[in-house]
């Protein structure tokens, strides 16, 4: 019985990982809907960072709303804290890049 419960829990985290990966890929691909967007953003990591920023809150919300499916409170807490940390780091990376871009445009 213990083994079955463990398998169900592992399956729940596996599904959470797949949901996050598919959401990330979908959001990243939406950044390139227009041809102009593809040409303009080649070599730019901002779309990658923004897709990550959009995906991380979804992971947190998923764990909070469906925490009963993922029964390990310790793993849930670690995933939430890690997601929040990564969110803050990449949010600051993107906002600092935007500030530097705006400053370079204004200085012209």
PDB file of N, CA and C in Angstrom:
ATOM      1  N   UNK A   1       0.814  -1.196   0.000  1.00  0.00           N
ATOM      2  CA  UNK A   1       0.000   0.000   0.000  1.00  0.00           C
ATOM      3  C   UNK A   1       0.863   1.267   0.000  1.00  0.00           C
ATOM      4  N   UNK A   2       1.969   1.233   0.753  1.00  0.00           N
ATOM      5  CA  UNK A   2       2.892   2.361   0.816  1.00  0.00           C
ATOM      6  C   UNK A   2       3.488   2.652  -0.560  1.00  0.00           C
ATOM      7  N   UNK A   3       3.829   1.593  -1.282  1.00  0.00           N
ATOM      8  CA  UNK A   3       4.430   1.720  -2.611  1.00  0.00           C
ATOM      9  C   UNK A   3       3.463   2.397  -3.588  1.00  0.00           C
ATOM     10  N   UNK A   4       2.179   2.025  -3.523  1.00  0.00           N
ATOM     11  CA  UNK A   4       1.167   2.606  -4.408  1.00  0.00           C
ATOM     12  C   UNK A   4       0.997   4.094  -4.114  1.00  0.00           C
ATOM     13  N   UNK A   5       0.967   4.464  -2.846  1.00  0.00           N
ATOM     14  CA  UNK A   5       0.840   5.859  -2.452  1.00  0.00           C
ATOM     15  C   UNK A   5       2.043   6.669  -2.930  1.00  0.00           C
ATOM     16  N   UNK A   6       3.224   6.078  -2.835  1.00  0.00           N
ATOM     17  CA  UNK A   6       4.445   6.738  -3.288  1.00  0.00           C
ATOM     18  C   UNK A   6       4.421   6.938  -4.802  1.00  0.00           C
ATOM     19  N   UNK A   7       3.931   5.940  -5.540  1.00  0.00           N
ATOM     20  CA  UNK A   7       3.836   6.054  -6.994  1.00  0.00           C
ATOM     21  C   UNK A   7       2.863   7.151  -7.405  1.00  0.00           C
ATOM     22  N   UNK A   8       1.745   7.252  -6.692  1.00  0.00           N
ATOM     23  CA  UNK A   8       0.759   8.292  -6.999  1.00  0.00           C
ATOM     24  C   UNK A   8       1.361   9.669  -6.770  1.00  0.00           C
ATOM     25  N   UNK A   9       2.112   9.824  -5.672  1.00  0.00           N
ATOM     26  CA  UNK A   9       2.743  11.106  -5.373  1.00  0.00           C
ATOM     27  C   UNK A   9       3.788  11.457  -6.428  1.00  0.00           C
ATOM     28  N   UNK A  10       4.608  10.484  -6.816  1.00  0.00           N
ATOM     29  CA  UNK A  10       5.604  10.729  -7.854  1.00  0.00           C
ATOM     30  C   UNK A  10       4.941  11.099  -9.174  1.00  0.00           C
ATOM     31  N   UNK A  11       3.828  10.467  -9.471  1.00  0.00           N
ATOM     32  CA  UNK A  11       3.093  10.759 -10.699  1.00  0.00           C
ATOM     33  C   UNK A  11       2.553  12.188 -10.679  1.00  0.00           C
ATOM     34  N   UNK A  12       2.100  12.649  -9.514  1.00  0.00           N
ATOM     35  CA  UNK A  12       1.573  14.010  -9.401  1.00  0.00           C
ATOM     36  C   UNK A  12       2.673  15.033  -9.679  1.00  0.00           C
ATOM     37  N   UNK A  13       3.859  14.819  -9.138  1.00  0.00           N
ATOM     38  CA  UNK A  13       4.961  15.753  -9.392  1.00  0.00           C
ATOM     39  C   UNK A  13       5.450  15.656 -10.831  1.00  0.00           C
ATOM     40  N   UNK A  14       5.388  14.482 -11.406  1.00  0.00           N
ATOM     41  CA  UNK A  14       5.748  14.313 -12.810  1.00  0.00           C
ATOM     42  C   UNK A  14       4.779  15.099 -13.695  1.00  0.00           C
ATOM     43  N   UNK A  15       3.495  15.015 -13.387  1.00  0.00           N
ATOM     44  CA  UNK A  15       2.496  15.775 -14.161  1.00  0.00           C
ATOM     45  C   UNK A  15       2.692  17.273 -13.979  1.00  0.00           C
ATOM     46  N   UNK A  16       3.051  17.703 -12.772  1.00  0.00           N
ATOM     47  CA  UNK A  16       3.322  19.121 -12.523  1.00  0.00           C
ATOM     48  C   UNK A  16       4.508  19.586 -13.370  1.00  0.00           C
ATOM     49  N   UNK A  17       5.554  18.768 -13.443  1.00  0.00           N
ATOM     50  CA  UNK A  17       6.719  19.101 -14.243  1.00  0.00           C
ATOM     51  C   UNK A  17       6.351  19.204 -15.722  1.00  0.00           C
ATOM     52  N   UNK A  18       5.577  18.246 -16.232  1.00  0.00           N
ATOM     53  CA  UNK A  18       5.158  18.280 -17.634  1.00  0.00           C
ATOM     54  C   UNK A  18       4.272  19.485 -17.923  1.00  0.00           C
ATOM     55  N   UNK A  19       3.370  19.805 -16.988  1.00  0.00           N
ATOM     56  CA  UNK A  19       2.512  20.974 -17.162  1.00  0.00           C
ATOM     57  C   UNK A  19       3.354  22.238 -17.244  1.00  0.00           C
ATOM     58  N   UNK A  20       4.338  22.362 -16.379  1.00  0.00           N
ATOM     59  CA  UNK A  20       5.203  23.543 -16.384  1.00  0.00           C
ATOM     60  C   UNK A  20       6.021  23.612 -17.672  1.00  0.00           C
ATOM     61  N   UNK A  21       6.572  22.494 -18.106  1.00  0.00           N
ATOM     62  CA  UNK A  21       7.377  22.465 -19.329  1.00  0.00           C
ATOM     63  C   UNK A  21       6.541  22.822 -20.557  1.00  0.00           C
ATOM     64  N   UNK A  22       5.361  22.243 -20.666  1.00  0.00           N
ATOM     65  CA  UNK A  22       4.496  22.543 -21.807  1.00  0.00           C
ATOM     66  C   UNK A  22       4.015  23.987 -21.782  1.00  0.00           C
ATOM     67  N   UNK A  23       3.700  24.496 -20.601  1.00  0.00           N
ATOM     68  CA  UNK A  23       3.287  25.901 -20.478  1.00  0.00           C
ATOM     69  C   UNK A  23       4.422  26.820 -20.895  1.00  0.00           C
ATOM     70  N   UNK A  24       5.628  26.506 -20.442  1.00  0.00           N
ATOM     71  CA  UNK A  24       6.789  27.313 -20.806  1.00  0.00           C
ATOM     72  C   UNK A  24       6.996  27.315 -22.315  1.00  0.00           C
ATOM     73  N   UNK A  25       6.957  26.142 -22.930  1.00  0.00           N
ATOM     74  CA  UNK A  25       7.158  26.053 -24.384  1.00  0.00           C
ATOM     75  C   UNK A  25       6.060  26.791 -25.146  1.00  0.00           C
ATOM     76  N   UNK A  26       4.832  26.675 -24.676  1.00  0.00           N
ATOM     77  CA  UNK A  26       3.722  27.362 -25.329  1.00  0.00           C
ATOM     78  C   UNK A  26       3.886  28.874 -25.225  1.00  0.00           C
ATOM     79  N   UNK A  27       4.214  29.366 -24.038  1.00  0.00           N
ATOM     80  CA  UNK A  27       4.388  30.815 -23.872  1.00  0.00           C
ATOM     81  C   UNK A  27       5.583  31.328 -24.660  1.00  0.00           C
ATOM     82  N   UNK A  28       6.657  30.547 -24.678  1.00  0.00           N
ATOM     83  CA  UNK A  28       7.836  30.951 -25.443  1.00  0.00           C
ATOM     84  C   UNK A  28       7.514  31.011 -26.934  1.00  0.00           C
ATOM     85  N   UNK A  29       6.748  30.032 -27.417  1.00  0.00           N
ATOM     86  CA  UNK A  29       6.392  30.034 -28.843  1.00  0.00           C
ATOM     87  C   UNK A  29       5.442  31.177 -29.181  1.00  0.00           C
ATOM     88  N   UNK A  30       4.617  31.604 -28.237  1.00  0.00           N
ATOM     89  CA  UNK A  30       3.719  32.735 -28.493  1.00  0.00           C
ATOM     90  C   UNK A  30       4.479  34.038 -28.697  1.00  0.00           C
ATOM     91  N   UNK A  31       5.690  34.099 -28.197  1.00  0.00           N
ATOM     92  CA  UNK A  31       6.501  35.308 -28.395  1.00  0.00           C
ATOM     93  C   UNK A  31       6.853  35.490 -29.871  1.00  0.00           C
ATOM     94  N   UNK A  32       6.775  34.407 -30.646  1.00  0.00           N
ATOM     95  CA  UNK A  32       7.201  34.434 -32.043  1.00  0.00           C
ATOM     96  C   UNK A  32       6.051  34.246 -33.019  1.00  0.00           C
ATOM     97  N   UNK A  33       4.879  34.743 -32.666  1.00  0.00           N
ATOM     98  CA  UNK A  33       3.715  34.579 -33.535  1.00  0.00           C
ATOM     99  C   UNK A  33       3.883  35.375 -34.825  1.00  0.00           C
ATOM    100  N   UNK A  34       4.448  36.539 -34.725  1.00  0.00           N
ATOM    101  CA  UNK A  34       4.624  37.349 -35.930  1.00  0.00           C
ATOM    102  C   UNK A  34       6.026  37.190 -36.478  1.00  0.00           C
ATOM    103  N   UNK A  35       6.155  37.272 -37.768  1.00  0.00           N
ATOM    104  CA  UNK A  35       7.466  37.174 -38.411  1.00  0.00           C
ATOM    105  C   UNK A  35       8.365  38.311 -37.970  1.00  0.00           C
ATOM    106  N   UNK A  36       7.785  39.489 -37.818  1.00  0.00           N
ATOM    107  CA  UNK A  36       8.556  40.642 -37.373  1.00  0.00           C
ATOM    108  C   UNK A  36       9.153  40.375 -35.986  1.00  0.00           C
ATOM    109  N   UNK A  37       8.393  39.701 -35.125  1.00  0.00           N
ATOM    110  CA  UNK A  37       8.892  39.369 -33.795  1.00  0.00           C
ATOM    111  C   UNK A  37      10.067  38.426 -33.842  1.00  0.00           C
ATOM    112  N   UNK A  38      10.056  37.506 -34.800  1.00  0.00           N
ATOM    113  CA  UNK A  38      11.167  36.549 -34.936  1.00  0.00           C
ATOM    114  C   UNK A  38      12.438  37.282 -35.348  1.00  0.00           C
ATOM    115  N   UNK A  39      12.330  38.119 -36.350  1.00  0.00           N
ATOM    116  CA  UNK A  39      13.503  38.815 -36.873  1.00  0.00           C
ATOM    117  C   UNK A  39      14.082  39.758 -35.830  1.00  0.00           C
ATOM    118  N   UNK A  40      13.214  40.477 -35.126  1.00  0.00           N
ATOM    119  CA  UNK A  40      13.664  41.487 -34.177  1.00  0.00           C
ATOM    120  C   UNK A  40      14.300  40.883 -32.936  1.00  0.00           C
ATOM    121  N   UNK A  41      13.878  39.698 -32.542  1.00  0.00           N
ATOM    122  CA  UNK A  41      14.343  39.177 -31.264  1.00  0.00           C
ATOM    123  C   UNK A  41      15.360  38.052 -31.382  1.00  0.00           C
ATOM    124  N   UNK A  42      15.908  37.833 -32.561  1.00  0.00           N
ATOM    125  CA  UNK A  42      16.959  36.820 -32.696  1.00  0.00           C
ATOM    126  C   UNK A  42      18.149  37.209 -31.837  1.00  0.00           C
ATOM    127  N   UNK A  43      18.654  36.282 -31.069  1.00  0.00           N
ATOM    128  CA  UNK A  43      19.788  36.558 -30.204  1.00  0.00           C
ATOM    129  C   UNK A  43      19.432  37.234 -28.904  1.00  0.00           C
ATOM    130  N   UNK A  44      18.156  37.453 -28.654  1.00  0.00           N
ATOM    131  CA  UNK A  44      17.712  38.112 -27.436  1.00  0.00           C
ATOM    132  C   UNK A  44      17.150  37.066 -26.480  1.00  0.00           C
ATOM    133  N   UNK A  45      17.579  37.092 -25.237  1.00  0.00           N
ATOM    134  CA  UNK A  45      17.097  36.126 -24.252  1.00  0.00           C
ATOM    135  C   UNK A  45      15.837  36.575 -23.520  1.00  0.00           C
ATOM    136  N   UNK A  46      15.400  37.802 -23.729  1.00  0.00           N
ATOM    137  CA  UNK A  46      14.223  38.298 -23.007  1.00  0.00           C
ATOM    138  C   UNK A  46      12.986  37.424 -23.199  1.00  0.00           C
ATOM    139  N   UNK A  47      12.660  36.966 -24.420  1.00  0.00           N
ATOM    140  CA  UNK A  47      11.487  36.091 -24.548  1.00  0.00           C
ATOM    141  C   UNK A  47      11.598  34.820 -23.704  1.00  0.00           C
ATOM    142  N   UNK A  48      12.796  34.289 -23.625  1.00  0.00           N
ATOM    143  CA  UNK A  48      13.035  33.111 -22.802  1.00  0.00           C
ATOM    144  C   UNK A  48      12.781  33.426 -21.332  1.00  0.00           C
ATOM    145  N   UNK A  49      13.312  34.556 -20.879  1.00  0.00           N
ATOM    146  CA  UNK A  49      13.139  34.951 -19.485  1.00  0.00           C
ATOM    147  C   UNK A  49      11.689  35.277 -19.171  1.00  0.00           C
ATOM    148  N   UNK A  50      11.000  35.943 -20.090  1.00  0.00           N
ATOM    149  CA  UNK A  50       9.603  36.308 -19.869  1.00  0.00           C
ATOM    150  C   UNK A  50       8.730  35.065 -19.816  1.00  0.00           C
ATOM    151  N   UNK A  51       8.980  34.097 -20.682  1.00  0.00           N
ATOM    152  CA  UNK A  51       8.220  32.839 -20.632  1.00  0.00           C
ATOM    153  C   UNK A  51       8.439  32.140 -19.298  1.00  0.00           C
ATOM    154  N   UNK A  52       9.658  32.191 -18.794  1.00  0.00           N
ATOM    155  CA  UNK A  52       9.947  31.601 -17.488  1.00  0.00           C
ATOM    156  C   UNK A  52       9.222  32.362 -16.386  1.00  0.00           C
ATOM    157  N   UNK A  53       9.229  33.684 -16.466  1.00  0.00           N
ATOM    158  CA  UNK A  53       8.538  34.504 -15.473  1.00  0.00           C
ATOM    159  C   UNK A  53       7.041  34.205 -15.472  1.00  0.00           C
ATOM    160  N   UNK A  54       6.469  33.948 -16.631  1.00  0.00           N
ATOM    161  CA  UNK A  54       5.038  33.641 -16.710  1.00  0.00           C
ATOM    162  C   UNK A  54       4.725  32.226 -16.230  1.00  0.00           C
ATOM    163  N   UNK A  55       5.657  31.315 -16.385  1.00  0.00           N
ATOM    164  CA  UNK A  55       5.427  29.920 -16.013  1.00  0.00           C
ATOM    165  C   UNK A  55       5.522  29.700 -14.500  1.00  0.00           C
ATOM    166  N   UNK A  56       6.444  30.378 -13.851  1.00  0.00           N
ATOM    167  CA  UNK A  56       6.677  30.144 -12.426  1.00  0.00           C
ATOM    168  C   UNK A  56       5.456  30.414 -11.543  1.00  0.00           C
ATOM    169  N   UNK A  57       4.720  31.509 -11.738  1.00  0.00           N
ATOM    170  CA  UNK A  57       3.511  31.689 -10.913  1.00  0.00           C
ATOM    171  C   UNK A  57       2.471  30.599 -11.146  1.00  0.00           C
ATOM    172  N   UNK A  58       2.443  30.056 -12.362  1.00  0.00           N
ATOM    173  CA  UNK A  58       1.495  28.959 -12.623  1.00  0.00           C
ATOM    174  C   UNK A  58       1.838  27.732 -11.784  1.00  0.00           C
ATOM    175  N   UNK A  59       3.118  27.466 -11.615  1.00  0.00           N
ATOM    176  CA  UNK A  59       3.532  26.346 -10.772  1.00  0.00           C
ATOM    177  C   UNK A  59       3.096  26.585  -9.330  1.00  0.00           C
ATOM    178  N   UNK A  60       3.316  27.797  -8.845  1.00  0.00           N
ATOM    179  CA  UNK A  60       2.934  28.125  -7.468  1.00  0.00           C
ATOM    180  C   UNK A  60       1.433  27.997  -7.273  1.00  0.00           C
ATOM    181  N   UNK A  61       0.668  28.542  -8.209  1.00  0.00           N
ATOM    182  CA  UNK A  61      -0.794  28.465  -8.117  1.00  0.00           C
ATOM    183  C   UNK A  61      -1.262  27.023  -8.165  1.00  0.00           C
ATOM    184  N   UNK A  62      -0.665  26.245  -9.041  1.00  0.00           N
ATOM    185  CA  UNK A  62      -1.023  24.824  -9.166  1.00  0.00           C
ATOM    186  C   UNK A  62      -0.810  24.090  -7.844  1.00  0.00           C
ATOM    187  N   UNK A  63       0.322  24.321  -7.210  1.00  0.00           N
ATOM    188  CA  UNK A  63       0.607  23.638  -5.942  1.00  0.00           C
ATOM    189  C   UNK A  63      -0.351  24.103  -4.852  1.00  0.00           C
ATOM    190  N   UNK A  64      -0.640  25.396  -4.808  1.00  0.00           N
ATOM    191  CA  UNK A  64      -1.542  25.909  -3.770  1.00  0.00           C
ATOM    192  C   UNK A  64      -2.954  25.378  -3.965  1.00  0.00           C
ATOM    193  N   UNK A  65      -3.457  25.427  -5.200  1.00  0.00           N
ATOM    194  CA  UNK A  65      -4.833  25.001  -5.440  1.00  0.00           C
ATOM    195  C   UNK A  65      -5.001  23.484  -5.414  1.00  0.00           C
ATOM    196  N   UNK A  66      -4.002  22.764  -5.859  1.00  0.00           N
ATOM    197  CA  UNK A  66      -4.095  21.307  -5.925  1.00  0.00           C
ATOM    198  C   UNK A  66      -3.069  20.652  -5.014  1.00  0.00           C
ATOM    199  N   UNK A  67      -2.823  21.267  -3.868  1.00  0.00           N
ATOM    200  CA  UNK A  67      -1.839  20.746  -2.930  1.00  0.00           C
ATOM    201  C   UNK A  67      -2.166  19.359  -2.421  1.00  0.00           C
ATOM    202  N   UNK A  68      -3.443  19.000  -2.415  1.00  0.00           N
ATOM    203  CA  UNK A  68      -3.835  17.674  -1.955  1.00  0.00           C
ATOM    204  C   UNK A  68      -3.335  16.563  -2.855  1.00  0.00           C
ATOM    205  N   UNK A  69      -3.135  16.878  -4.133  1.00  0.00           N
ATOM    206  CA  UNK A  69      -2.618  15.870  -5.058  1.00  0.00           C
ATOM    207  C   UNK A  69      -1.133  15.615  -4.819  1.00  0.00           C
ATOM    208  N   UNK A  70      -0.436  16.660  -4.429  1.00  0.00           N
ATOM    209  CA  UNK A  70       0.989  16.554  -4.128  1.00  0.00           C
ATOM    210  C   UNK A  70       1.119  16.595  -2.610  1.00  0.00           C
ATOM    211  N   UNK A  71       1.125  15.453  -1.987  1.00  0.00           N
ATOM    212  CA  UNK A  71       0.965  15.372  -0.534  1.00  0.00           C
ATOM    213  C   UNK A  71       2.187  15.762   0.277  1.00  0.00           C
ATOM    214  N   UNK A  72       3.344  15.764  -0.313  1.00  0.00           N
ATOM    215  CA  UNK A  72       4.546  16.085   0.448  1.00  0.00           C
ATOM    216  C   UNK A  72       4.628  17.595   0.652  1.00  0.00           C
ATOM    217  N   UNK A  73       4.325  18.029   1.842  1.00  0.00           N
ATOM    218  CA  UNK A  73       4.347  19.467   2.142  1.00  0.00           C
ATOM    219  C   UNK A  73       5.758  20.035   2.032  1.00  0.00           C
ATOM    220  N   UNK A  74       6.752  19.214   2.356  1.00  0.00           N
ATOM    221  CA  UNK A  74       8.134  19.672   2.257  1.00  0.00           C
ATOM    222  C   UNK A  74       8.511  19.941   0.802  1.00  0.00           C
ATOM    223  N   UNK A  75       8.185  19.006  -0.072  1.00  0.00           N
ATOM    224  CA  UNK A  75       8.501  19.206  -1.498  1.00  0.00           C
ATOM    225  C   UNK A  75       7.703  20.378  -2.040  1.00  0.00           C
ATOM    226  N   UNK A  76       6.430  20.490  -1.666  1.00  0.00           N
ATOM    227  CA  UNK A  76       5.608  21.616  -2.108  1.00  0.00           C
ATOM    228  C   UNK A  76       6.247  22.943  -1.707  1.00  0.00           C
ATOM    229  N   UNK A  77       6.682  23.028  -0.452  1.00  0.00           N
ATOM    230  CA  UNK A  77       7.284  24.258   0.046  1.00  0.00           C
ATOM    231  C   UNK A  77       8.586  24.573  -0.685  1.00  0.00           C
ATOM    232  N   UNK A  78       9.403  23.561  -0.922  1.00  0.00           N
ATOM    233  CA  UNK A  78      10.657  23.763  -1.650  1.00  0.00           C
ATOM    234  C   UNK A  78      10.378  24.253  -3.068  1.00  0.00           C
ATOM    235  N   UNK A  79       9.412  23.653  -3.733  1.00  0.00           N
ATOM    236  CA  UNK A  79       9.074  24.063  -5.101  1.00  0.00           C
ATOM    237  C   UNK A  79       8.551  25.498  -5.121  1.00  0.00           C
ATOM    238  N   UNK A  80       7.707  25.851  -4.165  1.00  0.00           N
ATOM    239  CA  UNK A  80       7.162  27.215  -4.101  1.00  0.00           C
ATOM    240  C   UNK A  80       8.274  28.229  -3.844  1.00  0.00           C
ATOM    241  N   UNK A  81       9.134  27.961  -2.868  1.00  0.00           N
ATOM    242  CA  UNK A  81      10.220  28.892  -2.549  1.00  0.00           C
ATOM    243  C   UNK A  81      11.187  29.017  -3.721  1.00  0.00           C
ATOM    244  N   UNK A  82      11.539  27.913  -4.340  1.00  0.00           N
ATOM    245  CA  UNK A  82      12.442  27.934  -5.487  1.00  0.00           C
ATOM    246  C   UNK A  82      11.821  28.695  -6.660  1.00  0.00           C
ATOM    247  N   UNK A  83      10.538  28.472  -6.903  1.00  0.00           N
ATOM    248  CA  UNK A  83       9.844  29.182  -7.984  1.00  0.00           C
ATOM    249  C   UNK A  83       9.807  30.678  -7.712  1.00  0.00           C
ATOM    250  N   UNK A  84       9.544  31.049  -6.467  1.00  0.00           N
ATOM    251  CA  UNK A  84       9.506  32.478  -6.116  1.00  0.00           C
ATOM    252  C   UNK A  84      10.885  33.115  -6.282  1.00  0.00           C
ATOM    253  N   UNK A  85      11.917  32.410  -5.852  1.00  0.00           N
ATOM    254  CA  UNK A  85      13.284  32.930  -5.972  1.00  0.00           C
ATOM    255  C   UNK A  85      13.663  33.124  -7.435  1.00  0.00           C
ATOM    256  N   UNK A  86      13.425  32.110  -8.258  1.00  0.00           N
ATOM    257  CA  UNK A  86      13.761  32.204  -9.685  1.00  0.00           C
ATOM    258  C   UNK A  86      12.950  33.309 -10.350  1.00  0.00           C
ATOM    259  N   UNK A  87      11.676  33.433  -9.967  1.00  0.00           N
ATOM    260  CA  UNK A  87      10.827  34.497 -10.505  1.00  0.00           C
ATOM    261  C   UNK A  87      11.440  35.869 -10.223  1.00  0.00           C
ATOM    262  N   UNK A  88      11.823  36.112  -8.975  1.00  0.00           N
ATOM    263  CA  UNK A  88      12.380  37.415  -8.584  1.00  0.00           C
ATOM    264  C   UNK A  88      13.686  37.690  -9.327  1.00  0.00           C
ATOM    265  N   UNK A  89      14.548  36.685  -9.428  1.00  0.00           N
ATOM    266  CA  UNK A  89      15.829  36.863 -10.116  1.00  0.00           C
ATOM    267  C   UNK A  89      15.607  37.245 -11.580  1.00  0.00           C
ATOM    268  N   UNK A  90      14.786  36.473 -12.284  1.00  0.00           N
ATOM    269  CA  UNK A  90      14.600  36.753 -13.711  1.00  0.00           C
ATOM    270  C   UNK A  90      13.758  38.004 -13.952  1.00  0.00           C
ATOM    271  N   UNK A  91      12.879  38.340 -13.035  1.00  0.00           N
ATOM    272  CA  UNK A  91      12.129  39.598 -13.142  1.00  0.00           C
ATOM    273  C   UNK A  91      13.110  40.773 -13.107  1.00  0.00           C
ATOM    274  N   UNK A  92      14.059  40.709 -12.183  1.00  0.00           N
ATOM    275  CA  UNK A  92      15.048  41.795 -12.093  1.00  0.00           C
ATOM    276  C   UNK A  92      15.979  41.813 -13.303  1.00  0.00           C
ATOM    277  N   UNK A  93      16.322  40.654 -13.833  1.00  0.00           N
ATOM    278  CA  UNK A  93      17.160  40.597 -15.035  1.00  0.00           C
ATOM    279  C   UNK A  93      16.448  41.294 -16.194  1.00  0.00           C
ATOM    280  N   UNK A  94      15.182  40.957 -16.402  1.00  0.00           N
ATOM    281  CA  UNK A  94      14.425  41.551 -17.512  1.00  0.00           C
ATOM    282  C   UNK A  94      14.224  43.044 -17.285  1.00  0.00           C
ATOM    283  N   UNK A  95      13.857  43.443 -16.072  1.00  0.00           N
ATOM    284  CA  UNK A  95      13.609  44.871 -15.832  1.00  0.00           C
ATOM    285  C   UNK A  95      14.897  45.683 -15.939  1.00  0.00           C
ATOM    286  N   UNK A  96      16.031  45.135 -15.501  1.00  0.00           N
ATOM    287  CA  UNK A  96      17.308  45.852 -15.655  1.00  0.00           C
ATOM    288  C   UNK A  96      17.691  45.982 -17.118  1.00  0.00           C
ATOM    289  N   UNK A  97      17.413  44.944 -17.904  1.00  0.00           N
ATOM    290  CA  UNK A  97      17.701  45.030 -19.344  1.00  0.00           C
ATOM    291  C   UNK A  97      16.832  46.097 -19.992  1.00  0.00           C
ATOM    292  N   UNK A  98      15.561  46.125 -19.611  1.00  0.00           N
ATOM    293  CA  UNK A  98      14.664  47.134 -20.192  1.00  0.00           C
ATOM    294  C   UNK A  98      15.131  48.533 -19.818  1.00  0.00           C
ATOM    295  N   UNK A  99      15.556  48.716 -18.565  1.00  0.00           N
ATOM    296  CA  UNK A  99      16.049  50.028 -18.137  1.00  0.00           C
ATOM    297  C   UNK A  99      17.287  50.437 -18.928  1.00  0.00           C
ATOM    298  N   UNK A 100      18.208  49.492 -19.149  1.00  0.00           N
ATOM    299  CA  UNK A 100      19.427  49.832 -19.896  1.00  0.00           C
ATOM    300  C   UNK A 100      19.105  50.128 -21.360  1.00  0.00           C
ATOM    301  N   UNK A 101      18.137  49.425 -21.927  1.00  0.00           N
ATOM    302  CA  UNK A 101      17.730  49.701 -23.309  1.00  0.00           C
ATOM    303  C   UNK A 101      17.113  51.092 -23.413  1.00  0.00           C
ATOM    304  N   UNK A 102      16.228  51.407 -22.460  1.00  0.00           N
ATOM    305  CA  UNK A 102      15.598  52.732 -22.467  1.00  0.00           C
ATOM    306  C   UNK A 102      16.629  53.835 -22.273  1.00  0.00           C
ATOM    307  N   UNK A 103      17.589  53.622 -21.395  1.00  0.00           N
ATOM    308  CA  UNK A 103      18.624  54.633 -21.170  1.00  0.00           C
ATOM    309  C   UNK A 103      19.472  54.836 -22.412  1.00  0.00           C
ATOM    310  N   UNK A 104      19.788  53.759 -23.130  1.00  0.00           N
ATOM    311  CA  UNK A 104      20.607  53.911 -24.342  1.00  0.00           C
ATOM    312  C   UNK A 104      19.827  54.622 -25.435  1.00  0.00           C
ATOM    313  N   UNK A 105      18.517  54.389 -25.501  1.00  0.00           N
ATOM    314  CA  UNK A 105      17.694  55.088 -26.496  1.00  0.00           C
ATOM    315  C   UNK A 105      17.589  56.571 -26.156  1.00  0.00           C
ATOM    316  N   UNK A 106      17.416  56.884 -24.876  1.00  0.00           N
ATOM    317  CA  UNK A 106      17.288  58.278 -24.454  1.00  0.00           C
ATOM    318  C   UNK A 106      18.581  59.056 -24.643  1.00  0.00           C
ATOM    319  N   UNK A 107      19.721  58.373 -24.543  1.00  0.00           N
ATOM    320  CA  UNK A 107      21.002  59.072 -24.664  1.00  0.00           C
ATOM    321  C   UNK A 107      21.388  59.381 -26.106  1.00  0.00           C
ATOM    322  N   UNK A 108      20.638  58.852 -27.047  1.00  0.00           N
ATOM    323  CA  UNK A 108      20.954  59.102 -28.472  1.00  0.00           C
ATOM    324  C   UNK A 108      20.547  60.454 -28.848  1.00  0.00           C
TER     325      UNK A 108
END
